[in-house]
Amino acid sequence: MKHLDDWEIAIKINCMSRPRRKNLLQIIGPGLITGAADDDPSGIATYTQTGAQFGYGQLWTVLFLLPMMIVIQEACARIGLVTGKGIAAVVKKYYNKWLLYFLVGLVLTANTINIGADIGAMAEAARLVIPAHFVVMMIFFTVFILSLEIFTSYRVYSKLLKWLSLSLFAYVITAFIVTQPWQEVLYATFVPHLEFTTSFLFIITGVIGTTISPYMFFWEADEEVEEEREHHLMSKKGVPKVTKHSIQVMRTDNALGMISSQVATWCIIVVAASVLFRHGTMNINTAADAAKALEPLVQTFPYAGFLSKLLFAVGVIGLGLLAVPVLSCSAAYALSEALNWKQSLDLKPRKAKGFYSVIVLSTLIGVLMNFSGIDPIKALIYTAVLNGVASVPLIFIVLKITNNKKIMGKYTNGFFAKGALWICVIALAITVLSMFATWGKN
């Protein structure tokens, strides 16, 4: 995940000027922060639900999805790095226009729903510690996020917010202070457990959708392009100056980020299983239910219940403030590339009216969805499932692009990347089809 690209810029500058030993140190820090930020509000809710509902039964998905995350995000980053274009722009240039319309429509729909779910969850989480009406909090977060997106560079304000992603380490600490049946935990981590029921496959599809999030495909490719423009890494003909070293740096940072993300994911599931499932809380219906998972961390302090809610609220709000701009911007990039609009976070609104209009409209439409009556925490899980379904055709498109020598030149997929991407498409397609095939079964 590349949305904290001010860190990425520092990485590449330092990698060209410092000894090799320091390069790794420069890469590791931002990689861990970026990986933690990948577990957005939808991720927290979905991972908590799977732990609460199935205990350690789906813990193996963490290891199963890790190589998929690495190879998919690397492929998306490579598209932007090599072509100097976002995914939608590449599809428009080299493929059928109907494929482009399908792609953009899918991204706009999924992202808009995700935006609404995230903002709703932020408002609900805030109400755990602030006695305010849900609608008031939702309007506050909407205005705050849009103001920052329109009037402030995302790079600037992400510096202030990205440290809030460290709240995920509360789950890491809790996982190791709670008494665990470690033999059972390790067995569940390495040995897959399957139940061919709708409920089981529904949550696994949600885990896939929030772990391999479609909006990140577009964001990562486009942010590679933004970085190349900012540092004048394009030739006069608009062709990126790609080197083996730049590819290596991108791959290393990507791998470290995805590993750190899955470490946090593993800990969230373990905590939910050991704290909620073990004590009979098998369904996450409200933010307060989810916050109970952190009570063991603060149980020795006065007002332990309030502190656990505060930790949960800080995590959801901070990660939501990071994720919502990524969702709206990736949708704006996709539509702007399809319609030849100017698009860049560095452009002022008056110079990219279409781009910023998509950001505003997708956010507002998403917010209106919160009046449907669905609980915000449940909405996050449903959104994750939708992303899981949408990820299958999108990964296939990424696979086709990165296999195409006309597009990627000498940076097409190698034997391993090609095989891994095919495995991703087939495995995820089987999961989604199995969910629909078992629909209605207990």
Protein backbone atom coordinates (compact mmCIF):
# COMPACT_ATOMS: atom_id res chain seq x y z
CA MET A 1 0.00 0.00 0.00
CA LYS A 2 1.54 3.26 -1.19
CA HIS A 3 -0.74 5.98 0.06
CA LEU A 4 1.82 7.35 2.53
CA ASP A 5 3.95 8.33 -0.41
CA ASP A 6 5.85 11.13 1.35
CA TRP A 7 7.68 8.27 3.07
CA GLU A 8 8.22 6.57 -0.29
CA ILE A 9 9.85 9.69 -1.70
CA ALA A 10 12.30 9.77 1.21
CA ILE A 11 13.07 6.11 0.68
CA LYS A 12 14.04 6.47 -2.97
CA ILE A 13 16.09 9.61 -2.43
CA ASN A 14 18.02 7.96 0.40
CA CYS A 15 18.44 4.75 -1.55
CA MET A 16 20.37 6.65 -4.22
CA SER A 17 22.68 8.41 -1.81
CA ARG A 18 23.30 6.21 1.24
CA PRO A 19 25.17 2.98 1.87
CA ARG A 20 23.29 -0.29 1.38
CA ARG A 21 23.06 -1.02 5.13
CA LYS A 22 21.17 2.21 5.73
CA ASN A 23 18.88 1.60 2.75
CA LEU A 24 17.19 -1.27 4.57
CA LEU A 25 16.71 0.85 7.68
CA GLN A 26 15.10 3.56 5.56
CA ILE A 27 12.73 1.04 4.01
CA ILE A 28 11.69 -0.88 7.14
CA GLY A 29 10.23 2.07 9.10
CA PRO A 30 7.74 3.36 6.52
CA GLY A 31 6.92 -0.17 5.44
CA LEU A 32 5.67 -1.05 8.91
CA ILE A 33 3.61 2.15 9.19
CA THR A 34 2.10 1.64 5.74
CA GLY A 35 1.27 -1.99 6.46
CA ALA A 36 -0.51 -1.06 9.68
CA ALA A 37 -2.57 1.56 7.84
CA ASP A 38 -3.79 -1.12 5.41
CA ASP A 39 -6.03 -2.49 8.18
CA ASP A 40 -8.72 0.18 7.80
CA PRO A 41 -12.08 0.30 9.67
CA SER A 42 -13.53 -2.34 7.37
CA GLY A 43 -10.58 -4.59 8.19
CA ILE A 44 -10.89 -4.11 11.95
CA ALA A 45 -14.61 -4.93 11.86
CA THR A 46 -14.28 -7.95 9.57
CA TYR A 47 -11.30 -9.51 11.36
CA THR A 48 -13.01 -8.97 14.71
CA GLN A 49 -16.17 -10.61 13.40
CA THR A 50 -14.36 -13.69 12.08
CA GLY A 51 -12.56 -14.15 15.40
CA ALA A 52 -15.75 -13.67 17.41
CA GLN A 53 -17.88 -15.93 15.21
CA PHE A 54 -15.46 -18.74 14.35
CA GLY A 55 -12.74 -18.47 16.97
CA TYR A 56 -9.41 -19.49 15.47
CA GLY A 57 -11.16 -21.26 12.57
CA GLN A 58 -10.20 -18.71 9.91
CA LEU A 59 -6.79 -17.78 11.27
CA TRP A 60 -5.10 -19.69 8.43
CA THR A 61 -6.37 -17.10 5.94
CA VAL A 62 -3.69 -14.69 7.19
CA LEU A 63 -0.86 -16.84 5.81
CA PHE A 64 -2.88 -17.89 2.78
CA LEU A 65 -3.53 -14.29 1.69
CA LEU A 66 -0.06 -12.87 2.44
CA PRO A 67 1.68 -14.01 -0.78
CA MET A 68 -1.41 -12.94 -2.73
CA MET A 69 -1.25 -9.45 -1.22
CA ILE A 70 2.44 -9.13 -2.03
CA VAL A 71 2.17 -10.27 -5.65
CA ILE A 72 -1.00 -8.30 -6.46
CA GLN A 73 0.15 -4.99 -4.98
CA GLU A 74 3.58 -5.43 -6.56
CA ALA A 75 1.95 -5.94 -9.94
CA CYS A 76 -0.19 -2.80 -9.53
CA ALA A 77 2.80 -0.72 -8.44
CA ARG A 78 4.80 -2.06 -11.39
CA ILE A 79 2.08 -0.96 -13.83
CA GLY A 80 2.31 2.63 -12.62
CA LEU A 81 6.09 2.59 -12.34
CA VAL A 82 6.69 1.18 -15.84
CA THR A 83 3.91 2.79 -17.90
CA GLY A 84 3.63 6.15 -16.15
CA LYS A 85 -0.16 5.65 -16.22
CA GLY A 86 -2.85 4.47 -13.84
CA ILE A 87 -4.68 1.20 -14.43
CA ALA A 88 -7.77 2.83 -15.96
CA ALA A 89 -5.60 4.84 -18.37
CA VAL A 90 -3.78 1.67 -19.45
CA VAL A 91 -7.06 -0.18 -20.02
CA LYS A 92 -8.39 2.76 -22.05
CA LYS A 93 -5.32 2.80 -24.31
CA TYR A 94 -4.90 -0.91 -24.92
CA TYR A 95 -8.27 -2.61 -24.37
CA ASN A 96 -11.96 -2.50 -25.28
CA LYS A 97 -13.91 0.56 -24.10
CA TRP A 98 -16.59 -1.68 -22.54
CA LEU A 99 -13.95 -3.23 -20.33
CA LEU A 100 -12.99 0.30 -19.29
CA TYR A 101 -16.60 1.20 -18.45
CA PHE A 102 -17.03 -2.02 -16.46
CA LEU A 103 -13.79 -1.39 -14.58
CA VAL A 104 -14.56 2.22 -13.71
CA GLY A 105 -18.17 1.41 -12.78
CA LEU A 106 -17.04 -1.38 -10.47
CA VAL A 107 -14.51 0.85 -8.72
CA LEU A 108 -16.90 3.78 -8.34
CA THR A 109 -19.63 1.55 -6.87
CA ALA A 110 -17.40 -0.38 -4.48
CA ASN A 111 -15.50 2.70 -3.32
CA THR A 112 -18.60 4.82 -2.75
CA ILE A 113 -20.16 2.10 -0.59
CA ASN A 114 -16.86 1.68 1.27
CA ILE A 115 -16.64 5.43 1.91
CA GLY A 116 -20.11 5.48 3.42
CA ALA A 117 -19.38 2.47 5.62
CA ASP A 118 -16.10 3.94 6.87
CA ILE A 119 -17.55 7.35 7.71
CA GLY A 120 -20.51 5.73 9.44
CA ALA A 121 -18.17 3.55 11.49
CA MET A 122 -16.04 6.56 12.43
CA ALA A 123 -19.15 8.39 13.66
CA GLU A 124 -20.31 5.34 15.64
CA ALA A 125 -16.84 4.84 17.15
CA ALA A 126 -16.63 8.49 18.16
CA ARG A 127 -19.96 8.17 20.00
CA LEU A 128 -18.35 5.61 22.30
CA VAL A 129 -16.42 8.44 23.95
CA ILE A 130 -18.28 11.60 22.89
CA PRO A 131 -22.00 12.04 23.72
CA ALA A 132 -23.07 13.35 20.32
CA HIS A 133 -25.74 12.38 17.79
CA PHE A 134 -24.69 9.95 15.07
CA VAL A 135 -25.68 12.33 12.25
CA VAL A 136 -23.78 15.23 13.83
CA MET A 137 -20.59 13.17 14.07
CA MET A 138 -21.03 11.90 10.53
CA ILE A 139 -21.43 15.42 9.14
CA PHE A 140 -18.40 16.57 11.13
CA PHE A 141 -16.14 13.84 9.72
CA THR A 142 -17.45 14.38 6.19
CA VAL A 143 -16.79 18.14 6.24
CA PHE A 144 -13.40 17.62 7.92
CA ILE A 145 -12.21 15.03 5.39
CA LEU A 146 -13.44 16.95 2.33
CA SER A 147 -11.89 20.19 3.58
CA LEU A 148 -8.52 18.50 4.00
CA GLU A 149 -8.74 16.77 0.62
CA ILE A 150 -9.67 19.92 -1.26
CA PHE A 151 -7.64 22.56 0.54
CA THR A 152 -4.67 20.57 1.88
CA SER A 153 -2.29 18.16 0.24
CA TYR A 154 -2.95 14.58 1.32
CA ARG A 155 0.79 14.17 1.76
CA VAL A 156 0.80 16.96 4.33
CA TYR A 157 -2.10 15.88 6.49
CA SER A 158 -1.28 12.17 6.27
CA LYS A 159 1.92 13.00 8.18
CA LEU A 160 -0.24 14.05 11.11
CA LEU A 161 -2.65 11.13 10.94
CA LYS A 162 -0.54 8.12 9.99
CA TRP A 163 0.77 7.66 13.53
CA LEU A 164 -2.78 6.90 14.65
CA SER A 165 -2.44 3.63 12.73
CA LEU A 166 -0.06 2.56 15.48
CA SER A 167 -3.17 2.05 17.62
CA LEU A 168 -3.32 -1.35 15.90
CA PHE A 169 -0.43 -2.39 18.12
CA ALA A 170 -2.96 -2.45 20.95
CA TYR A 171 -4.17 -5.69 19.37
CA VAL A 172 -0.61 -7.02 19.10
CA ILE A 173 0.01 -6.38 22.81
CA THR A 174 -3.38 -7.80 23.82
CA ALA A 175 -2.77 -10.99 21.83
CA PHE A 176 0.25 -11.76 24.00
CA ILE A 177 -1.02 -10.66 27.42
CA VAL A 178 -4.15 -12.80 27.20
CA THR A 179 -3.64 -16.45 28.10
CA GLN A 180 -3.72 -18.32 24.79
CA PRO A 181 -3.90 -22.01 23.90
CA TRP A 182 -0.81 -21.53 21.75
CA GLN A 183 -0.78 -25.05 20.37
CA GLU A 184 -4.32 -24.58 19.09
CA VAL A 185 -3.51 -21.10 17.77
CA LEU A 186 -0.45 -22.27 15.83
CA TYR A 187 -2.32 -25.28 14.45
CA ALA A 188 -5.13 -23.01 13.22
CA THR A 189 -2.57 -20.66 11.67
CA PHE A 190 -0.95 -23.31 9.49
CA VAL A 191 -3.71 -25.88 8.93
CA PRO A 192 -6.76 -24.70 6.92
CA HIS A 193 -10.22 -25.29 8.33
CA LEU A 194 -13.22 -25.12 6.00
CA GLU A 195 -16.98 -25.17 6.51
CA PHE A 196 -19.13 -25.15 3.39
CA THR A 197 -21.82 -22.91 4.80
CA THR A 198 -22.95 -19.46 3.76
CA SER A 199 -21.91 -17.84 7.04
CA PHE A 200 -18.39 -19.27 6.95
CA LEU A 201 -17.75 -18.48 3.27
CA PHE A 202 -19.44 -15.07 3.61
CA ILE A 203 -16.92 -13.98 6.24
CA ILE A 204 -13.96 -15.48 4.34
CA THR A 205 -15.03 -13.48 1.27
CA GLY A 206 -15.12 -10.40 3.51
CA VAL A 207 -11.63 -11.17 4.83
CA ILE A 208 -10.41 -11.41 1.23
CA GLY A 209 -12.11 -8.16 0.26
CA THR A 210 -10.71 -6.12 3.13
CA THR A 211 -7.23 -7.68 2.83
CA ILE A 212 -6.92 -7.48 -0.95
CA SER A 213 -8.86 -4.24 -1.38
CA PRO A 214 -9.65 -3.32 -5.01
CA TYR A 215 -9.30 0.41 -4.42
CA MET A 216 -5.66 -0.13 -3.46
CA PHE A 217 -4.91 -1.51 -6.92
CA PHE A 218 -5.71 1.85 -8.49
CA TRP A 219 -4.26 3.98 -5.71
CA GLU A 220 -0.90 2.25 -5.71
CA ALA A 221 -0.48 2.48 -9.49
CA ASP A 222 -1.51 6.14 -9.57
CA GLU A 223 0.72 7.13 -6.66
CA GLU A 224 3.73 5.62 -8.43
CA VAL A 225 2.88 7.91 -11.34
CA GLU A 226 2.45 10.93 -9.02
CA GLU A 227 5.86 10.24 -7.52
CA GLU A 228 7.54 10.00 -10.91
CA ARG A 229 6.03 13.33 -11.94
CA GLU A 230 7.02 15.06 -8.72
CA HIS A 231 10.63 13.95 -8.96
CA HIS A 232 10.89 14.48 -12.71
CA LEU A 233 11.48 10.80 -13.42
CA MET A 234 9.68 11.06 -16.77
CA SER A 235 11.46 11.65 -20.07
CA LYS A 236 10.38 14.47 -22.36
CA LYS A 237 8.17 11.97 -24.20
CA GLY A 238 6.42 11.06 -20.96
CA VAL A 239 8.15 7.68 -20.61
CA PRO A 240 9.19 6.78 -17.04
CA LYS A 241 12.87 6.27 -16.25
CA VAL A 242 12.71 2.80 -14.74
CA THR A 243 15.75 1.02 -13.34
CA LYS A 244 16.29 -2.37 -11.73
CA HIS A 245 17.08 -0.54 -8.51
CA SER A 246 13.77 1.34 -8.47
CA ILE A 247 11.92 -1.93 -9.09
CA GLN A 248 13.85 -3.60 -6.26
CA VAL A 249 13.12 -0.79 -3.80
CA MET A 250 9.42 -0.90 -4.67
CA ARG A 251 9.28 -4.68 -4.21
CA THR A 252 11.11 -4.61 -0.88
CA ASP A 253 8.94 -1.90 0.58
CA ASN A 254 5.78 -3.57 -0.72
CA ALA A 255 6.70 -6.92 0.83
CA LEU A 256 7.55 -5.39 4.21
CA GLY A 257 4.33 -3.41 4.25
CA MET A 258 2.16 -6.44 3.45
CA ILE A 259 3.91 -8.59 6.06
CA SER A 260 3.36 -5.98 8.77
CA SER A 261 -0.27 -5.66 7.70
CA GLN A 262 -0.87 -9.38 8.10
CA VAL A 263 0.86 -9.47 11.48
CA ALA A 264 -1.73 -6.93 12.68
CA THR A 265 -4.51 -8.94 11.04
CA TRP A 266 -3.40 -12.15 12.76
CA CYS A 267 -3.38 -10.39 16.14
CA ILE A 268 -6.86 -8.90 15.66
CA ILE A 269 -8.33 -12.33 14.87
CA VAL A 270 -6.52 -13.97 17.80
CA VAL A 271 -7.68 -11.25 20.21
CA ALA A 272 -11.29 -11.47 19.02
CA ALA A 273 -11.24 -15.25 19.30
CA SER A 274 -9.69 -15.36 22.76
CA VAL A 275 -11.62 -12.44 24.26
CA LEU A 276 -15.01 -12.46 22.48
CA PHE A 277 -15.57 -15.99 21.11
CA ARG A 278 -14.30 -17.62 24.28
CA HIS A 279 -16.79 -15.59 26.36
CA GLY A 280 -19.80 -16.13 24.12
CA THR A 281 -19.85 -12.86 22.13
CA MET A 282 -20.14 -14.36 18.65
CA ASN A 283 -21.65 -11.47 16.70
CA ILE A 284 -20.35 -7.91 16.41
CA ASN A 285 -23.49 -5.80 16.20
CA THR A 286 -22.16 -2.48 17.48
CA ALA A 287 -18.92 -0.58 17.94
CA ALA A 288 -19.17 -1.26 21.67
CA ASP A 289 -19.15 -5.00 20.99
CA ALA A 290 -15.97 -4.69 18.93
CA ALA A 291 -14.29 -2.47 21.54
CA LYS A 292 -14.66 -5.19 24.19
CA ALA A 293 -11.85 -7.10 22.50
CA LEU A 294 -9.36 -4.58 23.92
CA GLU A 295 -10.56 -4.69 27.53
CA PRO A 296 -7.84 -7.14 28.70
CA LEU A 297 -5.20 -4.57 27.72
CA VAL A 298 -6.53 -2.00 30.18
CA GLN A 299 -8.30 -4.18 32.74
CA THR A 300 -5.90 -3.17 35.54
CA PHE A 301 -6.59 0.54 35.01
CA PRO A 302 -9.48 2.56 36.40
CA TYR A 303 -12.31 3.02 33.89
CA ALA A 304 -11.11 0.01 31.87
CA GLY A 305 -14.30 -0.09 29.82
CA PHE A 306 -13.93 3.53 28.77
CA LEU A 307 -10.24 3.11 27.93
CA SER A 308 -10.93 0.11 25.69
CA LYS A 309 -13.59 2.12 23.87
CA LEU A 310 -11.17 5.04 23.54
CA LEU A 311 -8.46 2.82 22.03
CA PHE A 312 -10.94 1.33 19.59
CA ALA A 313 -12.33 4.76 18.66
CA VAL A 314 -8.86 6.25 18.06
CA GLY A 315 -7.95 3.34 15.82
CA VAL A 316 -11.14 3.42 13.73
CA ILE A 317 -11.17 7.22 13.40
CA GLY A 318 -7.46 7.54 12.61
CA LEU A 319 -7.47 4.74 10.06
CA GLY A 320 -10.73 6.01 8.60
CA LEU A 321 -9.26 9.49 8.12
CA LEU A 322 -6.46 7.84 6.17
CA ALA A 323 -8.63 5.41 4.19
CA VAL A 324 -11.54 7.61 3.05
CA PRO A 325 -9.34 9.98 0.99
CA VAL A 326 -7.67 6.95 -0.61
CA LEU A 327 -11.08 5.53 -1.53
CA SER A 328 -12.45 8.74 -3.00
CA CYS A 329 -9.20 9.64 -4.77
CA SER A 330 -8.77 6.20 -6.35
CA ALA A 331 -12.33 6.49 -7.70
CA ALA A 332 -11.54 9.98 -8.98
CA TYR A 333 -8.33 8.78 -10.64
CA ALA A 334 -10.18 5.95 -12.41
CA LEU A 335 -12.98 8.13 -13.81
CA SER A 336 -10.65 11.03 -14.68
CA GLU A 337 -8.33 8.72 -16.62
CA ALA A 338 -11.31 7.26 -18.49
CA LEU A 339 -12.63 10.71 -19.46
CA ASN A 340 -9.25 12.42 -20.05
CA TRP A 341 -9.72 14.83 -17.15
CA LYS A 342 -6.77 16.38 -15.40
CA GLN A 343 -6.05 14.45 -12.24
CA SER A 344 -3.56 14.95 -9.44
CA LEU A 345 -3.63 15.61 -5.73
CA ASP A 346 -1.08 18.34 -6.33
CA LEU A 347 -3.42 20.31 -8.63
CA LYS A 348 -5.67 23.01 -7.24
CA PRO A 349 -9.42 22.31 -7.47
CA ARG A 350 -9.94 24.97 -10.15
CA LYS A 351 -7.43 23.17 -12.39
CA ALA A 352 -8.95 19.69 -11.88
CA LYS A 353 -12.66 20.34 -11.40
CA GLY A 354 -13.79 16.93 -12.61
CA PHE A 355 -11.29 15.09 -10.42
CA TYR A 356 -12.32 16.93 -7.26
CA SER A 357 -16.02 16.72 -8.17
CA VAL A 358 -15.79 12.92 -8.12
CA ILE A 359 -14.10 13.09 -4.71
CA VAL A 360 -16.90 15.24 -3.29
CA LEU A 361 -19.81 13.38 -4.92
CA SER A 362 -18.57 9.89 -4.05
CA THR A 363 -18.10 10.98 -0.43
CA LEU A 364 -21.53 12.59 -0.16
CA ILE A 365 -23.33 9.68 -1.83
CA GLY A 366 -21.52 7.29 0.47
CA VAL A 367 -22.61 9.29 3.51
CA LEU A 368 -26.27 9.19 2.41
CA MET A 369 -26.11 5.40 2.48
CA ASN A 370 -25.84 5.58 6.26
CA PHE A 371 -29.54 6.48 6.39
CA SER A 372 -30.48 3.02 5.11
CA GLY A 373 -30.81 1.73 8.66
CA ILE A 374 -27.92 -0.76 8.51
CA ASP A 375 -25.68 -0.68 11.57
CA PRO A 376 -22.36 0.99 10.66
CA ILE A 377 -20.27 -1.92 11.95
CA LYS A 378 -22.34 -4.45 9.99
CA ALA A 379 -22.05 -2.20 6.93
CA LEU A 380 -18.25 -2.50 7.12
CA ILE A 381 -18.51 -6.30 6.92
CA TYR A 382 -20.96 -6.21 4.01
CA THR A 383 -18.65 -3.77 2.24
CA ALA A 384 -15.71 -6.10 2.74
CA VAL A 385 -17.70 -8.93 1.13
CA LEU A 386 -18.57 -6.70 -1.83
CA ASN A 387 -14.87 -5.88 -2.26
CA GLY A 388 -14.08 -9.59 -2.16
CA VAL A 389 -16.47 -10.24 -5.05
CA ALA A 390 -15.16 -7.23 -7.01
CA SER A 391 -11.51 -8.22 -6.53
CA VAL A 392 -11.76 -11.29 -8.79
CA PRO A 393 -12.33 -9.55 -12.16
CA LEU A 394 -10.01 -6.70 -11.18
CA ILE A 395 -7.11 -9.05 -10.39
CA PHE A 396 -7.70 -10.78 -13.74
CA ILE A 397 -7.38 -7.40 -15.50
CA VAL A 398 -4.16 -6.66 -13.60
CA LEU A 399 -2.87 -10.09 -14.66
CA LYS A 400 -3.65 -9.42 -18.34
CA ILE A 401 -1.93 -6.03 -18.25
CA THR A 402 1.23 -7.24 -16.54
CA ASN A 403 1.50 -10.19 -18.95
CA ASN A 404 1.34 -7.89 -21.98
CA LYS A 405 4.81 -7.13 -23.42
CA LYS A 406 3.39 -4.30 -25.54
CA ILE A 407 2.44 -2.51 -22.31
CA MET A 408 5.11 -3.62 -19.82
CA GLY A 409 8.09 -4.19 -22.12
CA LYS A 410 10.79 -6.17 -20.33
CA TYR A 411 8.98 -5.76 -17.00
CA THR A 412 6.22 -8.29 -17.70
CA ASN A 413 5.44 -10.94 -15.12
CA GLY A 414 8.09 -13.55 -14.53
CA PHE A 415 7.21 -17.23 -14.16
CA PHE A 416 6.56 -16.91 -10.41
CA ALA A 417 4.47 -13.72 -10.63
CA LYS A 418 2.38 -15.07 -13.50
CA GLY A 419 1.67 -18.33 -11.68
CA ALA A 420 0.94 -16.56 -8.40
CA LEU A 421 -1.53 -14.16 -10.02
CA TRP A 422 -3.35 -17.03 -11.73
CA ILE A 423 -3.58 -18.85 -8.40
CA CYS A 424 -5.02 -15.67 -6.86
CA VAL A 425 -7.71 -15.37 -9.53
CA ILE A 426 -8.70 -19.04 -9.39
CA ALA A 427 -8.63 -19.35 -5.58
CA LEU A 428 -10.65 -16.17 -5.02
CA ALA A 429 -13.13 -17.06 -7.77
CA ILE A 430 -13.73 -20.48 -6.18
CA THR A 431 -14.30 -18.84 -2.79
CA VAL A 432 -16.82 -16.33 -4.15
CA LEU A 433 -18.67 -18.94 -6.23
CA SER A 434 -18.77 -21.29 -3.24
CA MET A 435 -20.31 -18.55 -1.12
CA PHE A 436 -23.13 -18.05 -3.63
CA ALA A 437 -23.53 -21.82 -4.15
CA THR A 438 -24.06 -22.39 -0.42
CA TRP A 439 -26.30 -19.35 0.06
CA GLY A 440 -28.99 -20.08 2.61
CA LYS A 441 -27.27 -23.07 4.20
CA ASN A 442 -26.44 -22.94 7.92
